[in-house]
Protein backbone atom coordinates (compact mmCIF):
# COMPACT_ATOMS: atom_id res chain seq x y z
CA UNK A 1 -28.92 11.06 -23.28
CA UNK A 2 -26.43 9.53 -21.18
CA UNK A 3 -24.80 7.46 -24.04
CA UNK A 4 -25.68 10.11 -26.83
CA UNK A 5 -22.64 12.39 -28.85
CA UNK A 6 -20.86 8.90 -29.47
CA UNK A 7 -17.47 9.87 -31.48
CA UNK A 8 -17.47 7.39 -34.43
CA UNK A 9 -14.35 4.98 -34.74
CA UNK A 10 -13.72 5.86 -38.63
CA UNK A 11 -13.55 9.47 -36.76
CA UNK A 12 -11.06 9.06 -34.63
CA UNK A 13 -9.48 6.72 -36.13
CA UNK A 14 -9.50 9.41 -39.55
CA UNK A 15 -8.02 11.87 -36.83
CA UNK A 16 -5.40 10.09 -35.57
CA UNK A 17 -4.43 9.34 -39.02
CA UNK A 18 -3.88 13.00 -40.29
CA UNK A 19 -2.40 13.75 -37.13
CA UNK A 20 -0.25 10.75 -36.23
CA UNK A 21 2.76 9.88 -34.28
CA UNK A 22 6.33 8.29 -36.33
CA UNK A 23 5.32 4.54 -35.45
CA UNK A 24 8.78 3.66 -34.09
CA UNK A 25 8.01 0.90 -30.71
CA UNK A 26 8.47 -2.34 -30.86
CA UNK A 27 6.77 -5.00 -28.72
CA UNK A 28 10.01 -5.03 -26.22
CA UNK A 29 10.18 -1.30 -26.42
CA UNK A 30 6.38 -1.24 -25.17
CA UNK A 31 7.25 -4.08 -22.68
CA UNK A 32 10.00 -2.06 -21.17
CA UNK A 33 7.47 1.29 -21.29
CA UNK A 34 5.19 -1.03 -19.08
CA UNK A 35 7.88 -1.93 -16.55
CA UNK A 36 9.29 1.34 -16.52
CA UNK A 37 5.80 2.70 -15.78
CA UNK A 38 4.72 -0.17 -13.48
CA UNK A 39 7.60 -1.23 -11.50
CA UNK A 40 7.74 1.95 -8.94
CA UNK A 41 6.39 2.93 -5.50
CA UNK A 42 4.06 0.15 -5.67
CA UNK A 43 6.33 -2.14 -4.49
CA UNK A 44 9.31 -0.10 -3.03
CA UNK A 45 6.87 1.44 -0.86
CA UNK A 46 3.60 0.13 -0.58
CA UNK A 47 4.79 -3.08 0.68
CA UNK A 48 4.79 -1.62 4.14
CA UNK A 49 1.47 0.04 3.61
CA UNK A 50 0.24 -3.41 2.77
CA UNK A 51 1.47 -5.11 5.95
CA UNK A 52 -0.06 -2.67 7.91
CA UNK A 53 -3.23 -3.32 6.52
CA UNK A 54 -2.92 -7.39 5.83
CA UNK A 55 -0.11 -8.37 7.49
CA UNK A 56 1.56 -11.72 5.90
CA UNK A 57 -1.96 -12.25 3.91
CA UNK A 58 -0.55 -9.00 1.78
CA UNK A 59 0.45 -12.11 -0.12
CA UNK A 60 -3.30 -12.55 -1.22
CA UNK A 61 -3.73 -9.21 -1.56
CA UNK A 62 -1.06 -9.31 -4.47
CA UNK A 63 -2.91 -12.36 -6.09
CA UNK A 64 -6.20 -10.29 -5.96
CA UNK A 65 -4.99 -7.31 -7.29
CA UNK A 66 -2.80 -8.61 -9.73
CA UNK A 67 -6.23 -11.16 -11.16
CA UNK A 68 -8.09 -8.11 -11.54
CA UNK A 69 -5.39 -6.02 -13.76
CA UNK A 70 -5.26 -9.50 -15.76
CA UNK A 71 -8.34 -9.91 -16.51
CA UNK A 72 -8.82 -5.69 -17.50
CA UNK A 73 -5.70 -5.76 -19.06
CA UNK A 74 -7.26 -8.44 -21.44
CA UNK A 75 -9.96 -5.61 -22.32
CA UNK A 76 -7.34 -2.90 -22.87
CA UNK A 77 -5.36 -5.00 -24.79
CA UNK A 78 -8.64 -5.94 -27.59
CA UNK A 79 -9.24 -1.66 -27.56
CA UNK A 80 -5.86 -0.55 -27.47
CA UNK A 81 -4.94 -2.99 -30.59
CA UNK A 82 -8.89 -2.04 -32.23
CA UNK A 83 -8.26 1.31 -31.81
CA UNK A 84 -4.74 2.45 -31.75
CA UNK A 85 -5.16 6.00 -30.94
CA UNK A 86 -3.52 8.03 -28.25
CA UNK A 87 -6.14 8.90 -25.06
CA UNK A 88 -5.97 5.28 -23.40
CA UNK A 89 -9.57 4.72 -21.71
CA UNK A 90 -10.94 7.99 -22.24
CA UNK A 91 -10.85 7.74 -26.40
CA UNK A 92 -12.23 4.02 -26.13
CA UNK A 93 -15.05 5.23 -23.93
CA UNK A 94 -15.98 8.39 -26.08
CA UNK A 95 -16.29 5.89 -29.63
CA UNK A 96 -18.36 3.17 -27.57
CA UNK A 97 -20.30 5.11 -24.46
CA UNK A 98 -20.83 8.68 -25.83
CA UNK A 99 -19.13 11.62 -24.56
CA UNK A 100 -20.56 11.84 -20.89
CA UNK A 101 -18.86 8.68 -19.85
CA UNK A 102 -15.68 9.67 -21.99
CA UNK A 103 -15.43 12.80 -19.78
CA UNK A 104 -16.33 11.12 -16.43
CA UNK A 105 -13.49 8.74 -17.81
CA UNK A 106 -10.81 11.17 -18.77
CA UNK A 107 -11.56 13.28 -15.78
CA UNK A 108 -10.97 10.12 -13.30
CA UNK A 109 -7.72 9.82 -15.14
CA UNK A 110 -6.69 12.98 -14.35
CA UNK A 111 -6.75 11.97 -10.48
CA UNK A 112 -5.12 8.61 -11.56
CA UNK A 113 -2.24 10.22 -13.22
CA UNK A 114 -1.58 13.69 -11.16
CA UNK A 115 -2.21 12.02 -7.91
CA UNK A 116 -0.36 8.75 -8.77
CA UNK A 117 2.81 11.24 -9.99
CA UNK A 118 2.63 12.74 -6.22
CA UNK A 119 2.86 9.06 -4.56
CA UNK A 120 5.57 8.41 -6.43
CA UNK A 121 7.25 11.37 -5.63
CA UNK A 122 6.75 10.68 -1.51
CA UNK A 123 8.18 7.09 -2.05
CA UNK A 124 11.33 8.67 -4.31
CA UNK A 125 11.93 11.12 -0.88
CA UNK A 126 11.61 8.32 1.75
CA UNK A 127 13.92 6.25 -0.23
CA UNK A 128 16.26 8.93 -0.35
CA UNK A 129 16.03 10.36 2.74
CA UNK A 130 17.03 6.91 4.32
CA UNK A 131 19.90 6.38 1.77
CA UNK A 132 20.94 10.08 2.86
CA UNK A 133 20.66 9.15 6.86
CA UNK A 134 22.08 5.72 6.78
CA UNK A 135 25.13 6.08 4.29
CA UNK A 136 25.96 9.36 4.87
CA UNK A 137 24.79 9.83 8.64
CA UNK A 138 23.57 13.17 7.96
CA UNK A 139 20.17 13.36 10.45
CA UNK A 140 17.59 15.52 8.21
CA UNK A 141 14.72 16.92 10.43
CA UNK A 142 11.21 14.83 9.94
CA UNK A 143 9.45 18.03 10.03
CA UNK A 144 11.01 18.55 6.13
CA UNK A 145 10.66 15.29 4.91
CA UNK A 146 7.20 14.73 5.87
CA UNK A 147 4.32 15.69 5.25
CA UNK A 148 1.76 16.97 8.40
CA UNK A 149 -0.60 13.63 7.99
CA UNK A 150 2.68 12.01 8.44
CA UNK A 151 4.44 13.43 11.51
CA UNK A 152 6.22 16.72 9.52
CA UNK A 153 5.51 19.76 7.91
CA UNK A 154 6.10 19.54 4.05
CA UNK A 155 7.72 17.13 2.28
CA UNK A 156 10.71 19.00 0.53
CA UNK A 157 12.23 16.44 -1.38
CA UNK A 158 9.36 15.61 -2.83
CA UNK A 159 8.42 18.69 -4.04
CA UNK A 160 12.05 19.03 -5.54
CA UNK A 161 11.41 15.67 -7.85
CA UNK A 162 7.85 16.75 -8.95
CA UNK A 163 9.69 19.77 -9.92
CA UNK A 164 12.29 18.54 -11.60
CA UNK A 165 10.41 15.78 -13.79
CA UNK A 166 7.77 18.63 -14.79
CA UNK A 167 11.38 20.78 -16.08
CA UNK A 168 12.45 17.29 -17.87
CA UNK A 169 9.19 17.40 -19.64
CA UNK A 170 9.01 21.09 -20.73
CA UNK A 171 12.38 20.98 -22.33
CA UNK A 172 11.97 17.18 -23.80
CA UNK A 173 15.29 16.01 -23.73
CA UNK A 174 16.35 13.38 -26.31
CA UNK A 175 18.58 11.23 -24.07
CA UNK A 176 15.49 10.52 -22.00
CA UNK A 177 14.38 7.25 -23.75
CA UNK A 178 17.85 5.71 -23.34
CA UNK A 179 17.92 6.59 -19.89
CA UNK A 180 14.71 5.48 -19.31
CA UNK A 181 16.17 1.81 -20.14
CA UNK A 182 19.07 1.91 -18.24
CA UNK A 183 16.56 3.03 -15.31
CA UNK A 184 14.27 0.42 -15.90
CA UNK A 185 17.51 -2.23 -15.94
CA UNK A 186 18.59 -0.45 -12.68
CA UNK A 187 15.23 -1.30 -11.03
CA UNK A 188 14.51 -4.76 -11.96
CA UNK A 189 18.25 -5.74 -11.16
CA UNK A 190 17.94 -4.29 -7.67
CA UNK A 191 14.43 -6.24 -6.60
CA UNK A 192 16.26 -9.54 -8.27
CA UNK A 193 19.06 -8.66 -5.78
CA UNK A 194 16.55 -8.16 -2.93
CA UNK A 195 14.70 -11.35 -3.88
CA UNK A 196 18.13 -13.22 -4.04
CA UNK A 197 19.11 -12.08 -1.07
CA UNK A 198 16.12 -12.09 1.22
CA UNK A 199 14.11 -15.37 -0.16
CA UNK A 200 16.99 -17.78 0.50
CA UNK A 201 16.76 -16.86 4.48
CA UNK A 202 13.04 -16.93 5.12
CA UNK A 203 11.42 -18.28 7.89
CA UNK A 204 8.26 -19.74 8.01
CA UNK A 205 7.41 -18.05 11.14
CA UNK A 206 7.13 -14.99 9.73
CA UNK A 207 4.10 -16.27 8.06
CA UNK A 208 2.34 -16.51 11.38
CA UNK A 209 -0.80 -15.12 11.70
CA UNK A 210 -0.74 -15.28 8.56
CA UNK A 211 -4.14 -12.77 8.56
CA UNK A 212 -4.15 -11.07 11.65
CA UNK A 213 -7.14 -8.54 10.99
CA UNK A 214 -9.03 -10.87 8.88
CA UNK A 215 -9.79 -11.40 5.25
CA UNK A 216 -11.56 -7.95 5.27
CA UNK A 217 -7.65 -6.49 5.76
CA UNK A 218 -6.53 -8.48 3.26
CA UNK A 219 -9.46 -6.80 0.68
CA UNK A 220 -8.12 -3.49 1.88
CA UNK A 221 -4.26 -4.09 1.50
CA UNK A 222 -5.44 -5.41 -2.54
CA UNK A 223 -7.22 -2.61 -2.97
CA UNK A 224 -4.09 0.22 -1.66
CA UNK A 225 -2.10 -2.73 -3.80
CA UNK A 226 -4.06 -2.20 -6.74
CA UNK A 227 -1.32 0.99 -7.09
CA UNK A 228 1.59 -1.45 -7.37
CA UNK A 229 -0.08 -2.75 -10.87
CA UNK A 230 -1.09 0.87 -12.26
CA UNK A 231 0.99 1.75 -15.33
CA UNK A 232 0.17 -0.85 -17.85
CA UNK A 233 -2.42 1.31 -19.21
CA UNK A 234 -0.21 4.23 -19.74
CA UNK A 235 1.23 2.13 -22.47
CA UNK A 236 -2.15 2.17 -24.31
CA UNK A 237 -1.33 6.37 -24.69
CA UNK A 238 1.62 5.31 -26.65
CA UNK A 239 -0.34 3.11 -29.29
CA UNK A 240 -0.08 5.98 -32.06
CA UNK A 241 3.81 5.29 -31.69
CA UNK A 242 4.11 1.64 -31.99
CA UNK A 243 4.91 -0.78 -34.87
CA UNK A 244 2.16 -3.15 -35.76
CA UNK A 245 -0.40 -1.84 -32.28
CA UNK A 246 -2.71 -4.87 -33.71
CA UNK A 247 0.38 -7.29 -32.49
CA UNK A 248 2.44 -5.55 -30.47
CA UNK A 249 0.07 -3.34 -28.13
CA UNK A 250 -1.25 -6.59 -26.39
CA UNK A 251 2.09 -8.17 -26.21
CA UNK A 252 3.37 -5.14 -24.20
CA UNK A 253 0.79 -4.65 -22.01
CA UNK A 254 0.36 -8.54 -20.91
CA UNK A 255 3.74 -8.69 -20.92
CA UNK A 256 4.88 -6.11 -18.56
CA UNK A 257 2.19 -6.64 -16.20
CA UNK A 258 3.27 -10.92 -15.64
CA UNK A 259 6.94 -9.53 -15.61
CA UNK A 260 5.84 -7.11 -12.83
CA UNK A 261 3.68 -10.04 -10.61
CA UNK A 262 6.43 -12.44 -10.90
CA UNK A 263 9.00 -9.65 -9.15
CA UNK A 264 5.83 -8.76 -6.68
CA UNK A 265 5.31 -12.10 -5.18
CA UNK A 266 8.83 -12.83 -4.54
CA UNK A 267 9.28 -9.61 -3.03
CA UNK A 268 6.90 -9.46 -0.76
CA UNK A 269 7.83 -13.22 0.55
CA UNK A 270 11.17 -11.82 1.20
CA UNK A 271 10.12 -9.36 3.37
CA UNK A 272 7.28 -11.52 5.22
CA UNK A 273 9.77 -14.48 5.69
CA UNK A 274 12.39 -12.22 7.12
CA UNK A 275 11.47 -9.34 8.98
CA UNK A 276 7.91 -10.29 9.51
CA UNK A 277 5.00 -8.44 8.38
CA UNK A 278 2.81 -8.33 11.31
CA UNK A 279 0.48 -4.73 11.74
CA UNK A 280 1.26 -2.36 14.52
CA UNK A 281 -1.48 -1.67 16.93
CA UNK A 282 -2.27 1.05 18.74
CA UNK A 283 -1.35 1.15 22.72
CA UNK A 284 -4.91 -0.46 23.48
CA UNK A 285 -4.51 -2.88 20.49
CA UNK A 286 -6.30 -0.72 18.42
CA UNK A 287 -6.23 -1.10 14.92
CA UNK A 288 -4.19 1.77 12.95
CA UNK A 289 -4.88 3.68 9.59
CA UNK A 290 -1.50 3.85 7.50
CA UNK A 291 -0.68 7.21 7.30
CA UNK A 292 -2.39 8.09 10.33
CA UNK A 293 -0.66 10.42 13.05
CA UNK A 294 -1.41 7.84 15.42
CA UNK A 295 0.04 5.07 13.65
CA UNK A 296 3.50 7.46 13.26
CA UNK A 297 3.43 8.41 17.15
CA UNK A 298 3.37 4.47 17.61
CA UNK A 299 6.39 4.23 15.20
CA UNK A 300 7.95 6.72 17.11
CA UNK A 301 7.43 5.22 20.46
CA UNK A 302 8.59 2.03 18.49
CA UNK A 303 11.88 3.23 17.55
CA UNK A 304 12.77 4.64 20.65
CA UNK A 305 12.60 1.61 22.48
CA UNK A 306 14.17 -0.29 19.76
CA UNK A 307 11.06 -2.37 18.40
CA UNK A 308 10.97 -0.89 14.32
CA UNK A 309 8.81 -2.42 12.36
CA UNK A 310 8.60 -2.75 8.63
CA UNK A 311 5.43 -1.27 8.29
CA UNK A 312 6.66 2.07 9.72
CA UNK A 313 9.74 2.45 7.30
CA UNK A 314 9.24 4.90 4.19
CA UNK A 315 12.36 2.50 2.84
CA UNK A 316 10.94 -0.91 3.03
CA UNK A 317 12.78 -2.88 1.20
CA UNK A 318 16.11 -1.11 1.86
CA UNK A 319 15.16 -1.49 5.54
CA UNK A 320 14.97 -4.90 5.31
CA UNK A 321 17.92 -5.84 3.68
CA UNK A 322 19.77 -3.72 6.70
CA UNK A 323 18.22 -5.54 9.64
CA UNK A 324 19.14 -9.05 7.90
CA UNK A 325 22.77 -7.80 7.39
CA UNK A 326 23.36 -6.42 4.39
CA UNK A 327 23.77 -2.45 5.44
CA UNK A 328 25.72 -1.53 2.15
CA UNK A 329 23.55 -3.42 -0.32
CA UNK A 330 20.64 -1.93 1.48
CA UNK A 331 22.40 1.36 0.76
CA UNK A 332 22.53 0.66 -2.93
CA UNK A 333 18.99 -0.60 -3.29
CA UNK A 334 17.97 2.40 -1.45
CA UNK A 335 20.35 4.26 -4.08
CA UNK A 336 18.66 2.56 -7.25
CA UNK A 337 15.10 3.29 -6.07
CA UNK A 338 16.22 6.95 -5.66
CA UNK A 339 18.07 6.56 -9.42
CA UNK A 340 14.82 4.46 -10.72
CA UNK A 341 11.45 6.26 -9.59
CA UNK A 342 11.98 9.89 -10.77
CA UNK A 343 10.96 8.08 -14.42
CA UNK A 344 7.92 6.68 -13.31
CA UNK A 345 7.06 10.05 -12.42
CA UNK A 346 8.02 11.02 -15.72
CA UNK A 347 5.76 8.26 -17.29
CA UNK A 348 2.59 9.46 -15.18
CA UNK A 349 3.18 13.06 -15.69
CA UNK A 350 3.43 12.40 -19.31
CA UNK A 351 0.36 10.08 -19.48
CA UNK A 352 -1.28 12.93 -17.31
CA UNK A 353 -0.34 15.79 -19.72
CA UNK A 354 -1.56 13.17 -23.33
CA UNK A 355 -4.80 13.09 -21.90
CA UNK A 356 -5.53 16.61 -21.26
CA UNK A 357 -3.93 17.40 -24.78
CA UNK A 358 -6.25 14.58 -26.19
CA UNK A 359 -9.37 16.13 -24.16
CA UNK A 360 -8.36 19.77 -25.60
CA UNK A 361 -8.20 18.01 -28.96
CA UNK A 362 -12.08 17.10 -28.80
CA UNK A 363 -12.65 20.88 -27.18
CA UNK A 364 -13.76 19.36 -24.02
CA UNK A 365 -10.62 21.26 -22.34
CA UNK A 366 -9.73 24.67 -23.53
CA UNK A 367 -7.18 24.78 -25.92
CA UNK A 368 -4.55 26.90 -23.71
CA UNK A 369 -4.20 23.14 -22.95
CA UNK A 370 -2.49 22.59 -25.97
CA UNK A 371 -0.35 25.38 -26.53
CA UNK A 372 3.03 24.37 -27.72
CA UNK A 373 6.46 26.05 -26.50
CA UNK A 374 7.85 27.83 -29.37
CA UNK A 375 11.21 26.34 -28.60
CA UNK A 376 11.09 23.12 -27.15
CA UNK A 377 7.82 22.23 -29.13
CA UNK A 378 6.48 20.24 -25.50
CA UNK A 379 2.51 21.25 -24.15
CA UNK A 380 4.81 23.42 -21.42
CA UNK A 381 1.39 25.00 -20.29
CA UNK A 382 -0.88 21.91 -19.10
CA UNK A 383 2.84 20.28 -18.38
CA UNK A 384 4.02 23.02 -15.58
CA UNK A 385 -0.31 23.09 -14.66
CA UNK A 386 0.52 19.69 -13.77
CA UNK A 387 3.51 19.47 -12.27
CA UNK A 388 2.35 22.16 -9.81
CA UNK A 389 -0.07 19.81 -8.68
CA UNK A 390 1.81 17.01 -8.34
CA UNK A 391 4.24 18.72 -6.37
CA UNK A 392 1.74 19.68 -3.54
CA UNK A 393 0.04 16.66 -3.57
CA UNK A 394 3.70 15.33 -3.15
CA UNK A 395 4.32 17.82 -0.30
CA UNK A 396 1.31 17.41 2.21
CA UNK A 397 -0.19 13.81 1.91
CA UNK A 398 1.80 10.77 2.30
CA UNK A 399 2.01 7.31 -0.35
CA UNK A 400 -0.53 5.93 1.23
CA UNK A 401 -3.49 7.94 0.94
CA UNK A 402 -2.19 9.42 -2.42
CA UNK A 403 -2.31 5.49 -3.69
CA UNK A 404 -5.53 4.62 -2.63
CA UNK A 405 -6.70 8.58 -4.31
CA UNK A 406 -5.33 7.38 -7.52
CA UNK A 407 -6.56 4.21 -7.27
CA UNK A 408 -10.21 4.69 -7.25
CA UNK A 409 -9.52 7.11 -10.64
CA UNK A 410 -8.52 3.93 -11.84
CA UNK A 411 -10.14 1.04 -11.21
CA UNK A 412 -13.27 3.53 -12.65
CA UNK A 413 -11.89 4.15 -15.98
CA UNK A 414 -10.66 0.47 -16.14
CA UNK A 415 -14.46 -0.70 -15.45
CA UNK A 416 -15.48 1.78 -18.16
CA UNK A 417 -13.31 0.20 -20.78
CA UNK A 418 -14.15 -3.27 -19.87
CA UNK A 419 -17.80 -2.16 -20.14
CA UNK A 420 -16.56 -0.59 -23.73
CA UNK A 421 -15.55 -3.58 -24.75
CA UNK A 422 -18.86 -6.00 -24.45
CA UNK A 423 -20.57 -2.79 -26.01
CA UNK A 424 -18.48 -2.74 -29.20
CA UNK A 425 -18.87 -6.68 -29.71
CA UNK A 426 -22.76 -6.47 -29.89
CA UNK A 427 -22.96 -2.51 -31.74
CA UNK A 428 -19.59 -3.57 -33.93
CA UNK A 429 -19.45 -7.35 -34.13
CA UNK A 430 -18.22 -7.23 -38.08
CA UNK A 431 -15.17 -4.74 -37.28
CA UNK A 432 -11.84 -6.12 -37.47
CA UNK A 433 -10.21 -7.56 -33.97
CA UNK A 434 -6.77 -8.08 -34.46
CA UNK A 435 -6.81 -9.36 -30.94
CA UNK A 436 -9.90 -10.80 -29.17
CA UNK A 437 -10.32 -10.74 -25.36
CA UNK A 438 -10.61 -14.40 -24.33
CA UNK A 439 -13.99 -15.21 -23.44
CA UNK A 440 -15.27 -11.57 -23.33
CA UNK A 441 -18.73 -11.85 -21.92
CA UNK A 442 -17.28 -13.90 -18.84
CA UNK A 443 -13.58 -12.00 -18.47
CA UNK A 444 -15.05 -8.37 -18.87
CA UNK A 445 -17.96 -8.79 -16.14
CA UNK A 446 -15.24 -10.17 -13.68
CA UNK A 447 -13.01 -7.19 -14.57
CA UNK A 448 -15.92 -5.31 -13.96
CA UNK A 449 -17.02 -7.03 -10.59
CA UNK A 450 -13.26 -6.92 -9.72
CA UNK A 451 -12.99 -3.25 -9.82
CA UNK A 452 -15.63 -2.53 -8.29
CA UNK A 453 -14.88 -5.09 -5.13
CA UNK A 454 -11.43 -3.16 -5.24
CA UNK A 455 -12.99 0.21 -4.82
CA UNK A 456 -15.82 -0.76 -2.40
CA UNK A 457 -12.41 -2.13 -0.09
CA UNK A 458 -11.22 1.60 -0.14
CA UNK A 459 -11.14 3.33 2.69
CA UNK A 460 -14.51 5.58 3.16
CA UNK A 461 -12.68 8.78 2.83
CA UNK A 462 -11.00 7.72 -0.44
CA UNK A 463 -14.41 7.02 -1.67
CA UNK A 464 -16.17 10.03 -0.60
CA UNK A 465 -13.22 12.21 -2.15
CA UNK A 466 -13.87 10.29 -5.44
CA UNK A 467 -17.19 11.29 -5.26
CA UNK A 468 -16.85 14.98 -4.82
CA UNK A 469 -14.17 14.73 -7.83
CA UNK A 470 -16.63 12.98 -9.92
CA UNK A 471 -19.21 15.77 -9.00
CA UNK A 472 -16.52 18.69 -9.73
CA UNK A 473 -16.06 16.78 -12.91
CA UNK A 474 -20.06 17.05 -14.19
CA UNK A 475 -20.05 21.07 -12.82
CA UNK A 476 -17.09 21.34 -15.69
CA UNK A 477 -18.73 19.35 -17.92
CA UNK A 478 -22.30 21.10 -17.97
CA UNK A 479 -20.94 24.26 -17.78
CA UNK A 480 -18.25 24.31 -20.58
CA UNK A 481 -17.17 21.27 -22.16
CA UNK A 482 -20.60 20.26 -23.37
CA UNK A 483 -20.89 23.49 -25.37
CA UNK A 484 -17.99 23.39 -26.74
CA UNK A 485 -17.41 20.23 -27.71
CA UNK A 486 -16.29 19.45 -31.28
CA UNK A 487 -19.03 16.28 -31.58
CA UNK A 488 -21.47 18.15 -30.13
CA UNK A 489 -20.80 21.32 -32.60
CA UNK A 490 -21.09 18.20 -35.71
CA UNK A 491 -16.98 18.57 -36.09
CA UNK A 492 -15.76 15.06 -36.15
CA UNK A 493 -12.16 15.87 -37.18
CA UNK A 494 -10.76 19.58 -36.84
CA UNK A 495 -8.36 20.73 -39.57
CA UNK A 496 -4.65 21.42 -37.87
CA UNK A 497 -5.39 25.00 -38.85
CA UNK A 498 -8.31 25.81 -37.60
CA UNK A 499 -7.69 24.17 -34.42
CA UNK A 500 -4.42 26.08 -33.89
CA UNK A 501 -2.72 23.04 -32.71
CA UNK A 502 0.36 22.60 -34.71
CA UNK A 503 2.29 19.15 -35.25
CA UNK A 504 4.65 18.85 -32.91
CA UNK A 505 7.73 16.76 -31.76
CA UNK A 506 6.50 14.75 -29.37
CA UNK A 507 8.54 15.26 -25.74
CA UNK A 508 10.67 11.70 -25.49
CA UNK A 509 8.65 8.70 -24.56
CA UNK A 510 10.48 6.56 -21.81
CA UNK A 511 10.99 3.40 -23.62
CA UNK A 512 10.98 4.79 -26.97
CA UNK A 513 14.21 4.34 -29.24
CA UNK A 514 13.59 7.74 -30.89
CA UNK A 515 12.27 10.86 -29.84
CA UNK A 516 8.97 10.19 -32.03
CA UNK A 517 7.51 12.44 -34.67
CA UNK A 518 4.28 14.83 -34.30
CA UNK A 519 2.23 14.32 -31.48
CA UNK A 520 -1.54 13.69 -31.92
């Protein structure tokens, strides 16, 4: 039965209470955590990807993606406040729709976090390489800083930063919480400076033609731009570390989304109104896909002719500032991105390892994923394994392809949470809901339809990849996980000794004022 093996909410909450983390995060820390996770490659890099798909119409794409994310956030907020435990959409689905759906959601979240971390690594590489070349005049071979789809061989800087973040997560440095707060401030300041310098000198001619590829292009850009909002759901993985989660989780989720949306609209307007954002077409006027070899070749031809376009840039915002007469400020923005983007990689990989950890705690993944390093007291096995895959993604794929693949997993998980909210209203109407999704029977279906619309707007290759990934997940579930599930064996709560999972200090959560207590 597809909705069988439901893990009762009472058991989930009891397990969380027994293995609870120190509750130290307030509304402000959660909001900053969300801003730190959201503002990253999406706005710093995908602006160019969106321009190639939609031109100036990407303004509408940002609004569409932001709206879908907002209604999904309202559903997330109700579940996060009502079920304040680790595991995000995976845990919510387990409590409402059963083990199989929960497994598929968790499997999709693996795709979201790991591939997203790879995408951010590629974005970091673009800005750092651009900074080195423009500030120091060092010419770095393209073959070593771009993957094979993007006109190179391997993206070594992206691999390097993925490896560095993996090492930091393994050793669990105390200082990362304070460092993350500084990096969030740097990112926000950099974007604010970009807006202050670009918006006042906008030329409305840049907005014409507004939708050169029609609404299809706007939809495709919205599906890609959705990546720019991904990260707010990672806040829900910190539910067990939140003071008064019934109040603070909704504030953190929706507050961080609102702040980021304002920045995105202003930054996009600044790019369009200053350097333009028209797509680059092929020699015969054909549409070129972002991240394709054909686009890379055409961009190289334009650069040779002295006609560079923002859609060709790997550091769109820094490039824009240089083009409008602020080369040193452009270099500073590149430096800010280089300093700040690793915090997003860290947050994504942190969320990935925590999803694995919770799934392992439920018996759906091998116990080895829960092994704790004897010195650093961190789940080093799964952290290192995740780091290897992230580094490989970053080395060989361009940011646009990685972002779209990540979005497919994210949209599936968001839709599942929205369904869970509606189902739980009917199956457990008396449960206390500190935060109630407004007009849930309207809001949740809109969120589901929005996620389906954006998923459908993704490229055919991306959708096929998701289907293949889901098929692999089903094979793993029926071949391994189903027979080892604690719920399937009647074990709703596993004592620490029996589970062989000792309490452990959590690796420092970005945005947290303290390194936390014990992992769940």
